[in-house]
Amino acid sequence: YSGCEEFTADIKDTEKKLLKAFNDSYQTDVLNRTTSKGP
């Protein structure tokens, strides 16, 4: 499995990593007006 982070079968850890990825990609996403990371 290849994602924006090194995800594992730990759902809470994955949730934290995804939230960080969404927050970190804020400027790029606003500029492109689309969500650049996620499943």
All heavy atoms as atom14 arrays in JSON, in Angstrom:
{
  "sequence": "YSGCEEFTADIKDTEKKLLKAFNDSYQTDVLNRTTSKGP",
  "atom14_mask": [
    [1, 1, 1, 1, 1, 1, 1, 1, 1, 1, 1, 1, 0, 0],
    [1, 1, 1, 1, 1, 1, 0, 0, 0, 0, 0, 0, 0, 0],
    [1, 1, 1, 1, 0, 0, 0, 0, 0, 0, 0, 0, 0, 0],
    [1, 1, 1, 1, 1, 1, 0, 0, 0, 0, 0, 0, 0, 0],
    [1, 1, 1, 1, 1, 1, 1, 1, 1, 0, 0, 0, 0, 0],
    [1, 1, 1, 1, 1, 1, 1, 1, 1, 0, 0, 0, 0, 0],
    [1, 1, 1, 1, 1, 1, 1, 1, 1, 1, 1, 0, 0, 0],
    [1, 1, 1, 1, 1, 1, 1, 0, 0, 0, 0, 0, 0, 0],
    [1, 1, 1, 1, 1, 0, 0, 0, 0, 0, 0, 0, 0, 0],
    [1, 1, 1, 1, 1, 1, 1, 1, 0, 0, 0, 0, 0, 0],
    [1, 1, 1, 1, 1, 1, 1, 1, 0, 0, 0, 0, 0, 0],
    [1, 1, 1, 1, 1, 1, 1, 1, 1, 0, 0, 0, 0, 0],
    [1, 1, 1, 1, 1, 1, 1, 1, 0, 0, 0, 0, 0, 0],
    [1, 1, 1, 1, 1, 1, 1, 0, 0, 0, 0, 0, 0, 0],
    [1, 1, 1, 1, 1, 1, 1, 1, 1, 0, 0, 0, 0, 0],
    [1, 1, 1, 1, 1, 1, 1, 1, 1, 0, 0, 0, 0, 0],
    [1, 1, 1, 1, 1, 1, 1, 1, 1, 0, 0, 0, 0, 0],
    [1, 1, 1, 1, 1, 1, 1, 1, 0, 0, 0, 0, 0, 0],
    [1, 1, 1, 1, 1, 1, 1, 1, 0, 0, 0, 0, 0, 0],
    [1, 1, 1, 1, 1, 1, 1, 1, 1, 0, 0, 0, 0, 0],
    [1, 1, 1, 1, 1, 0, 0, 0, 0, 0, 0, 0, 0, 0],
    [1, 1, 1, 1, 1, 1, 1, 1, 1, 1, 1, 0, 0, 0],
    [1, 1, 1, 1, 1, 1, 1, 1, 0, 0, 0, 0, 0, 0],
    [1, 1, 1, 1, 1, 1, 1, 1, 0, 0, 0, 0, 0, 0],
    [1, 1, 1, 1, 1, 1, 0, 0, 0, 0, 0, 0, 0, 0],
    [1, 1, 1, 1, 1, 1, 1, 1, 1, 1, 1, 1, 0, 0],
    [1, 1, 1, 1, 1, 1, 1, 1, 1, 0, 0, 0, 0, 0],
    [1, 1, 1, 1, 1, 1, 1, 0, 0, 0, 0, 0, 0, 0],
    [1, 1, 1, 1, 1, 1, 1, 1, 0, 0, 0, 0, 0, 0],
    [1, 1, 1, 1, 1, 1, 1, 0, 0, 0, 0, 0, 0, 0],
    [1, 1, 1, 1, 1, 1, 1, 1, 0, 0, 0, 0, 0, 0],
    [1, 1, 1, 1, 1, 1, 1, 1, 0, 0, 0, 0, 0, 0],
    [1, 1, 1, 1, 1, 1, 1, 1, 1, 1, 1, 0, 0, 0],
    [1, 1, 1, 1, 1, 1, 1, 0, 0, 0, 0, 0, 0, 0],
    [1, 1, 1, 1, 1, 1, 1, 0, 0, 0, 0, 0, 0, 0],
    [1, 1, 1, 1, 1, 1, 0, 0, 0, 0, 0, 0, 0, 0],
    [1, 1, 1, 1, 1, 1, 1, 1, 1, 0, 0, 0, 0, 0],
    [1, 1, 1, 1, 0, 0, 0, 0, 0, 0, 0, 0, 0, 0],
    [1, 1, 1, 1, 1, 1, 1, 0, 0, 0, 0, 0, 0, 0]
  ],
  "atom14_positions": [
    [[0.85, -1.18, 0.0], [0.0, 0.0, 0.0], [0.89, 1.23, 0.0], [1.8, 1.35, 0.81], [-0.92, 0.02, 1.22], [-2.02, 1.05, 1.09], [-3.19, 0.73, 0.42], [-1.89, 2.33, 1.61], [-4.21, 1.67, 0.28], [-2.89, 3.27, 1.47], [-4.05, 2.94, 0.79], [-5.05, 3.87, 0.64], [0.0, 0.0, 0.0], [0.0, 0.0, 0.0]],
    [[0.62, 2.15, -0.9], [1.43, 3.35, -1.04], [0.55, 4.58, -0.89], [-0.33, 4.82, -1.71], [2.13, 3.37, -2.41], [2.84, 4.56, -2.61], [0.0, 0.0, 0.0], [0.0, 0.0, 0.0], [0.0, 0.0, 0.0], [0.0, 0.0, 0.0], [0.0, 0.0, 0.0], [0.0, 0.0, 0.0], [0.0, 0.0, 0.0], [0.0, 0.0, 0.0]],
    [[0.78, 5.34, 0.19], [-0.01, 6.53, 0.44], [0.85, 7.74, 0.66], [2.07, 7.72, 0.47], [0.0, 0.0, 0.0], [0.0, 0.0, 0.0], [0.0, 0.0, 0.0], [0.0, 0.0, 0.0], [0.0, 0.0, 0.0], [0.0, 0.0, 0.0], [0.0, 0.0, 0.0], [0.0, 0.0, 0.0], [0.0, 0.0, 0.0], [0.0, 0.0, 0.0]],
    [[0.23, 8.84, 1.07], [0.97, 10.07, 1.31], [1.83, 9.97, 2.57], [2.71, 10.8, 2.81], [0.02, 11.26, 1.42], [-1.25, 11.11, 2.7], [0.0, 0.0, 0.0], [0.0, 0.0, 0.0], [0.0, 0.0, 0.0], [0.0, 0.0, 0.0], [0.0, 0.0, 0.0], [0.0, 0.0, 0.0], [0.0, 0.0, 0.0], [0.0, 0.0, 0.0]],
    [[1.57, 8.94, 3.39], [2.37, 8.63, 4.57], [2.62, 7.13, 4.61], [2.03, 6.37, 3.83], [1.62, 9.05, 5.85], [1.33, 10.54, 5.97], [2.53, 11.35, 6.38], [3.54, 10.75, 6.78], [2.46, 12.6, 6.29], [0.0, 0.0, 0.0], [0.0, 0.0, 0.0], [0.0, 0.0, 0.0], [0.0, 0.0, 0.0], [0.0, 0.0, 0.0]],
    [[3.48, 6.7, 5.51], [3.71, 5.26, 5.71], [2.62, 4.74, 6.63], [2.78, 4.67, 7.85], [5.11, 5.03, 6.32], [6.25, 5.3, 5.36], [6.28, 4.3, 4.22], [5.94, 3.13, 4.44], [6.64, 4.71, 3.1], [0.0, 0.0, 0.0], [0.0, 0.0, 0.0], [0.0, 0.0, 0.0], [0.0, 0.0, 0.0], [0.0, 0.0, 0.0]],
    [[1.49, 4.38, 6.03], [0.35, 3.93, 6.82], [0.52, 2.48, 7.25], [1.13, 1.67, 6.55], [-0.95, 4.06, 6.02], [-1.3, 5.47, 5.67], [-1.46, 5.86, 4.34], [-1.48, 6.42, 6.66], [-1.78, 7.15, 4.01], [-1.81, 7.73, 6.33], [-1.96, 8.1, 5.01], [0.0, 0.0, 0.0], [0.0, 0.0, 0.0], [0.0, 0.0, 0.0]],
    [[-0.05, 2.15, 8.42], [-0.07, 0.78, 8.92], [-1.51, 0.44, 9.28], [-2.41, 1.28, 9.16], [0.82, 0.62, 10.16], [0.3, 1.44, 11.22], [2.26, 1.03, 9.86], [0.0, 0.0, 0.0], [0.0, 0.0, 0.0], [0.0, 0.0, 0.0], [0.0, 0.0, 0.0], [0.0, 0.0, 0.0], [0.0, 0.0, 0.0], [0.0, 0.0, 0.0]],
    [[-1.72, -0.79, 9.73], [-3.07, -1.22, 10.12], [-3.4, -0.75, 11.54], [-3.92, -1.5, 12.37], [-3.19, -2.73, 10.01], [0.0, 0.0, 0.0], [0.0, 0.0, 0.0], [0.0, 0.0, 0.0], [0.0, 0.0, 0.0], [0.0, 0.0, 0.0], [0.0, 0.0, 0.0], [0.0, 0.0, 0.0], [0.0, 0.0, 0.0], [0.0, 0.0, 0.0]],
    [[-3.08, 0.5, 11.82], [-3.43, 1.15, 13.09], [-4.32, 2.33, 12.73], [-3.85, 3.36, 12.26], [-2.17, 1.62, 13.82], [-2.48, 2.23, 15.18], [-3.54, 2.87, 15.31], [-1.66, 2.08, 16.11], [0.0, 0.0, 0.0], [0.0, 0.0, 0.0], [0.0, 0.0, 0.0], [0.0, 0.0, 0.0], [0.0, 0.0, 0.0], [0.0, 0.0, 0.0]],
    [[-5.61, 2.17, 12.94], [-6.56, 3.14, 12.42], [-6.41, 4.52, 13.07], [-6.54, 5.56, 12.39], [-8.0, 2.59, 12.58], [-8.96, 3.41, 11.71], [-8.45, 2.57, 14.03], [-10.3, 2.74, 11.51], [0.0, 0.0, 0.0], [0.0, 0.0, 0.0], [0.0, 0.0, 0.0], [0.0, 0.0, 0.0], [0.0, 0.0, 0.0], [0.0, 0.0, 0.0]],
    [[-6.1, 4.59, 14.36], [-5.94, 5.88, 15.03], [-4.68, 6.59, 14.55], [-4.68, 7.81, 14.34], [-5.89, 5.68, 16.56], [-7.24, 5.34, 17.17], [-8.25, 6.48, 16.94], [-9.6, 6.18, 17.56], [-10.59, 7.27, 17.27], [0.0, 0.0, 0.0], [0.0, 0.0, 0.0], [0.0, 0.0, 0.0], [0.0, 0.0, 0.0], [0.0, 0.0, 0.0]],
    [[-3.61, 5.83, 14.38], [-2.37, 6.41, 13.86], [-2.57, 6.93, 12.44], [-2.08, 8.02, 12.08], [-1.25, 5.37, 13.89], [0.07, 5.93, 13.4], [0.57, 6.9, 14.0], [0.6, 5.41, 12.4], [0.0, 0.0, 0.0], [0.0, 0.0, 0.0], [0.0, 0.0, 0.0], [0.0, 0.0, 0.0], [0.0, 0.0, 0.0], [0.0, 0.0, 0.0]],
    [[-3.31, 6.16, 11.64], [-3.6, 6.58, 10.27], [-4.43, 7.85, 10.25], [-4.19, 8.76, 9.44], [-4.34, 5.45, 9.51], [-3.49, 4.32, 9.42], [-4.74, 5.89, 8.12], [0.0, 0.0, 0.0], [0.0, 0.0, 0.0], [0.0, 0.0, 0.0], [0.0, 0.0, 0.0], [0.0, 0.0, 0.0], [0.0, 0.0, 0.0], [0.0, 0.0, 0.0]],
    [[-5.39, 7.95, 11.15], [-6.23, 9.15, 11.22], [-5.38, 10.39, 11.53], [-5.56, 11.45, 10.9], [-7.29, 8.95, 12.3], [-8.31, 10.07, 12.37], [-9.35, 9.83, 13.46], [-9.82, 8.69, 13.59], [-9.66, 10.81, 14.18], [0.0, 0.0, 0.0], [0.0, 0.0, 0.0], [0.0, 0.0, 0.0], [0.0, 0.0, 0.0], [0.0, 0.0, 0.0]],
    [[-4.45, 10.25, 12.47], [-3.57, 11.38, 12.81], [-2.69, 11.79, 11.63], [-2.51, 12.98, 11.34], [-2.7, 11.01, 14.01], [-3.45, 10.87, 15.32], [-2.51, 10.43, 16.44], [-3.27, 10.22, 17.74], [-2.37, 9.72, 18.83], [0.0, 0.0, 0.0], [0.0, 0.0, 0.0], [0.0, 0.0, 0.0], [0.0, 0.0, 0.0], [0.0, 0.0, 0.0]],
    [[-2.14, 10.79, 10.94], [-1.28, 11.08, 9.8], [-2.05, 11.73, 8.66], [-1.54, 12.63, 7.98], [-0.6, 9.79, 9.33], [0.48, 9.27, 10.27], [1.09, 7.98, 9.75], [2.22, 7.51, 10.65], [2.8, 6.21, 10.19], [0.0, 0.0, 0.0], [0.0, 0.0, 0.0], [0.0, 0.0, 0.0], [0.0, 0.0, 0.0], [0.0, 0.0, 0.0]],
    [[-3.27, 11.26, 8.44], [-4.09, 11.85, 7.39], [-4.45, 13.3, 7.71], [-4.39, 14.18, 6.83], [-5.38, 11.04, 7.21], [-5.45, 10.01, 6.1], [-6.84, 9.41, 6.01], [-5.06, 10.6, 4.75], [0.0, 0.0, 0.0], [0.0, 0.0, 0.0], [0.0, 0.0, 0.0], [0.0, 0.0, 0.0], [0.0, 0.0, 0.0], [0.0, 0.0, 0.0]],
    [[-4.83, 13.55, 8.95], [-5.18, 14.91, 9.35], [-3.99, 15.84, 9.15], [-4.14, 16.97, 8.65], [-5.64, 14.93, 10.81], [-6.08, 16.29, 11.35], [-7.22, 16.87, 10.52], [-6.51, 16.17, 12.83], [0.0, 0.0, 0.0], [0.0, 0.0, 0.0], [0.0, 0.0, 0.0], [0.0, 0.0, 0.0], [0.0, 0.0, 0.0], [0.0, 0.0, 0.0]],
    [[-2.81, 15.38, 9.54], [-1.59, 16.17, 9.34], [-1.35, 16.42, 7.85], [-0.98, 17.53, 7.44], [-0.38, 15.47, 9.95], [0.92, 16.26, 9.84], [2.06, 15.52, 10.52], [3.34, 16.36, 10.49], [3.79, 16.68, 9.12], [0.0, 0.0, 0.0], [0.0, 0.0, 0.0], [0.0, 0.0, 0.0], [0.0, 0.0, 0.0], [0.0, 0.0, 0.0]],
    [[-1.56, 15.4, 7.02], [-1.35, 15.54, 5.58], [-2.31, 16.57, 4.99], [-1.93, 17.39, 4.15], [-1.53, 14.19, 4.89], [0.0, 0.0, 0.0], [0.0, 0.0, 0.0], [0.0, 0.0, 0.0], [0.0, 0.0, 0.0], [0.0, 0.0, 0.0], [0.0, 0.0, 0.0], [0.0, 0.0, 0.0], [0.0, 0.0, 0.0], [0.0, 0.0, 0.0]],
    [[-3.58, 16.54, 5.42], [-4.56, 17.51, 4.93], [-4.18, 18.93, 5.37], [-4.29, 19.89, 4.58], [-5.97, 17.17, 5.44], [-6.54, 15.91, 4.86], [-7.31, 15.04, 5.64], [-6.33, 15.58, 3.53], [-7.86, 13.88, 5.1], [-6.87, 14.42, 2.99], [-7.63, 13.57, 3.77], [0.0, 0.0, 0.0], [0.0, 0.0, 0.0], [0.0, 0.0, 0.0]],
    [[-3.76, 19.06, 6.63], [-3.37, 20.38, 7.14], [-2.12, 20.9, 6.43], [-2.04, 22.09, 6.08], [-3.14, 20.33, 8.65], [-4.43, 20.11, 9.43], [-5.52, 20.44, 8.95], [-4.32, 19.55, 10.63], [0.0, 0.0, 0.0], [0.0, 0.0, 0.0], [0.0, 0.0, 0.0], [0.0, 0.0, 0.0], [0.0, 0.0, 0.0], [0.0, 0.0, 0.0]],
    [[-1.15, 20.02, 6.23], [0.11, 20.43, 5.6], [-0.04, 20.83, 4.13], [0.74, 21.61, 3.6], [1.16, 19.32, 5.71], [1.66, 19.11, 7.13], [1.37, 19.97, 7.98], [2.33, 18.09, 7.38], [0.0, 0.0, 0.0], [0.0, 0.0, 0.0], [0.0, 0.0, 0.0], [0.0, 0.0, 0.0], [0.0, 0.0, 0.0], [0.0, 0.0, 0.0]],
    [[-1.04, 20.24, 3.47], [-1.23, 20.51, 2.04], [-2.17, 21.69, 1.8], [-2.61, 21.92, 0.67], [-1.77, 19.27, 1.33], [-3.06, 18.92, 1.83], [0.0, 0.0, 0.0], [0.0, 0.0, 0.0], [0.0, 0.0, 0.0], [0.0, 0.0, 0.0], [0.0, 0.0, 0.0], [0.0, 0.0, 0.0], [0.0, 0.0, 0.0], [0.0, 0.0, 0.0]],
    [[-2.44, 22.44, 2.85], [-3.41, 23.53, 2.79], [-3.15, 24.5, 1.63], [-4.03, 24.76, 0.79], [-3.43, 24.29, 4.12], [-4.02, 25.67, 4.05], [-5.39, 25.85, 3.94], [-3.19, 26.8, 4.05], [-5.94, 27.12, 3.86], [-3.74, 28.07, 3.96], [-5.1, 28.23, 3.86], [-5.64, 29.48, 3.77], [0.0, 0.0, 0.0], [0.0, 0.0, 0.0]],
    [[-1.93, 25.05, 1.57], [-1.64, 26.07, 0.56], [-1.76, 25.53, -0.86], [-2.33, 26.16, -1.75], [-0.24, 26.65, 0.8], [-0.15, 27.51, 2.05], [1.21, 28.16, 2.21], [2.2, 27.69, 1.66], [1.27, 29.25, 2.95], [0.0, 0.0, 0.0], [0.0, 0.0, 0.0], [0.0, 0.0, 0.0], [0.0, 0.0, 0.0], [0.0, 0.0, 0.0]],
    [[-1.22, 24.32, -1.08], [-1.3, 23.69, -2.4], [-2.75, 23.43, -2.78], [-3.16, 23.67, -3.93], [-0.52, 22.38, -2.42], [0.85, 22.64, -2.11], [-0.61, 21.7, -3.78], [0.0, 0.0, 0.0], [0.0, 0.0, 0.0], [0.0, 0.0, 0.0], [0.0, 0.0, 0.0], [0.0, 0.0, 0.0], [0.0, 0.0, 0.0], [0.0, 0.0, 0.0]],
    [[-3.53, 22.94, -1.83], [-4.92, 22.59, -2.12], [-5.77, 23.83, -2.42], [-6.63, 23.8, -3.32], [-5.53, 21.82, -0.94], [-4.96, 20.42, -0.81], [-4.15, 20.03, -1.66], [-5.33, 19.7, 0.14], [0.0, 0.0, 0.0], [0.0, 0.0, 0.0], [0.0, 0.0, 0.0], [0.0, 0.0, 0.0], [0.0, 0.0, 0.0], [0.0, 0.0, 0.0]],
    [[-5.54, 24.92, -1.69], [-6.29, 26.15, -1.95], [-5.91, 26.7, -3.32], [-6.77, 27.16, -4.09], [-6.01, 27.2, -0.85], [-6.58, 28.57, -1.26], [-6.63, 26.76, 0.47], [0.0, 0.0, 0.0], [0.0, 0.0, 0.0], [0.0, 0.0, 0.0], [0.0, 0.0, 0.0], [0.0, 0.0, 0.0], [0.0, 0.0, 0.0], [0.0, 0.0, 0.0]],
    [[-4.62, 26.64, -3.65], [-4.15, 27.14, -4.93], [-4.75, 26.36, -6.1], [-5.2, 26.93, -7.1], [-2.61, 27.08, -4.99], [-1.97, 27.62, -6.27], [-2.26, 29.11, -6.44], [-0.47, 27.37, -6.25], [0.0, 0.0, 0.0], [0.0, 0.0, 0.0], [0.0, 0.0, 0.0], [0.0, 0.0, 0.0], [0.0, 0.0, 0.0], [0.0, 0.0, 0.0]],
    [[-4.79, 25.01, -5.94], [-5.31, 24.14, -7.01], [-6.79, 23.86, -6.88], [-7.39, 23.23, -7.75], [-4.53, 22.82, -7.03], [-3.07, 23.01, -7.39], [-2.76, 23.84, -8.25], [-2.19, 22.27, -6.76], [0.0, 0.0, 0.0], [0.0, 0.0, 0.0], [0.0, 0.0, 0.0], [0.0, 0.0, 0.0], [0.0, 0.0, 0.0], [0.0, 0.0, 0.0]],
    [[-7.37, 24.26, -5.74], [-8.81, 24.1, -5.45], [-9.25, 22.64, -5.5], [-10.36, 22.32, -5.93], [-9.63, 24.94, -6.44], [-9.27, 26.4, -6.39], [-10.06, 27.21, -7.4], [-9.2, 28.18, -8.06], [-9.62, 29.09, -8.93], [-10.9, 29.13, -9.24], [-8.78, 29.93, -9.48], [0.0, 0.0, 0.0], [0.0, 0.0, 0.0], [0.0, 0.0, 0.0]],
    [[-8.38, 21.77, -5.04], [-8.72, 20.34, -4.96], [-7.86, 19.68, -3.89], [-6.81, 20.2, -3.5], [-8.5, 19.65, -6.32], [-9.07, 18.35, -6.28], [-7.03, 19.53, -6.67], [0.0, 0.0, 0.0], [0.0, 0.0, 0.0], [0.0, 0.0, 0.0], [0.0, 0.0, 0.0], [0.0, 0.0, 0.0], [0.0, 0.0, 0.0], [0.0, 0.0, 0.0]],
    [[-8.31, 18.54, -3.39], [-7.62, 17.83, -2.32], [-6.55, 16.92, -2.91], [-6.87, 15.98, -3.65], [-8.63, 17.0, -1.49], [-9.63, 17.88, -0.97], [-7.93, 16.29, -0.34], [0.0, 0.0, 0.0], [0.0, 0.0, 0.0], [0.0, 0.0, 0.0], [0.0, 0.0, 0.0], [0.0, 0.0, 0.0], [0.0, 0.0, 0.0], [0.0, 0.0, 0.0]],
    [[-5.3, 17.21, -2.59], [-4.17, 16.53, -3.24], [-3.73, 15.25, -2.55], [-2.97, 14.47, -3.13], [-2.98, 17.48, -3.33], [-2.56, 17.9, -2.03], [0.0, 0.0, 0.0], [0.0, 0.0, 0.0], [0.0, 0.0, 0.0], [0.0, 0.0, 0.0], [0.0, 0.0, 0.0], [0.0, 0.0, 0.0], [0.0, 0.0, 0.0], [0.0, 0.0, 0.0]],
    [[-4.19, 15.03, -1.31], [-3.77, 13.84, -0.57], [-4.98, 13.12, 0.02], [-6.03, 13.72, 0.22], [-2.78, 14.23, 0.53], [-1.48, 14.81, 0.0], [-0.52, 15.16, 1.12], [0.79, 15.71, 0.55], [1.75, 16.08, 1.61], [0.0, 0.0, 0.0], [0.0, 0.0, 0.0], [0.0, 0.0, 0.0], [0.0, 0.0, 0.0], [0.0, 0.0, 0.0]],
    [[-4.79, 11.83, 0.28], [-5.88, 11.04, 0.84], [-6.03, 9.72, 0.11], [-5.36, 9.47, -0.9], [0.0, 0.0, 0.0], [0.0, 0.0, 0.0], [0.0, 0.0, 0.0], [0.0, 0.0, 0.0], [0.0, 0.0, 0.0], [0.0, 0.0, 0.0], [0.0, 0.0, 0.0], [0.0, 0.0, 0.0], [0.0, 0.0, 0.0], [0.0, 0.0, 0.0]],
    [[-6.92, 8.84, 0.58], [-7.09, 7.52, -0.04], [-7.55, 7.56, -1.49], [-7.38, 6.6, -2.22], [-8.12, 6.82, 0.86], [-8.75, 7.92, 1.66], [-7.71, 8.98, 1.8], [0.0, 0.0, 0.0], [0.0, 0.0, 0.0], [0.0, 0.0, 0.0], [0.0, 0.0, 0.0], [0.0, 0.0, 0.0], [0.0, 0.0, 0.0], [0.0, 0.0, 0.0]]
  ]
}
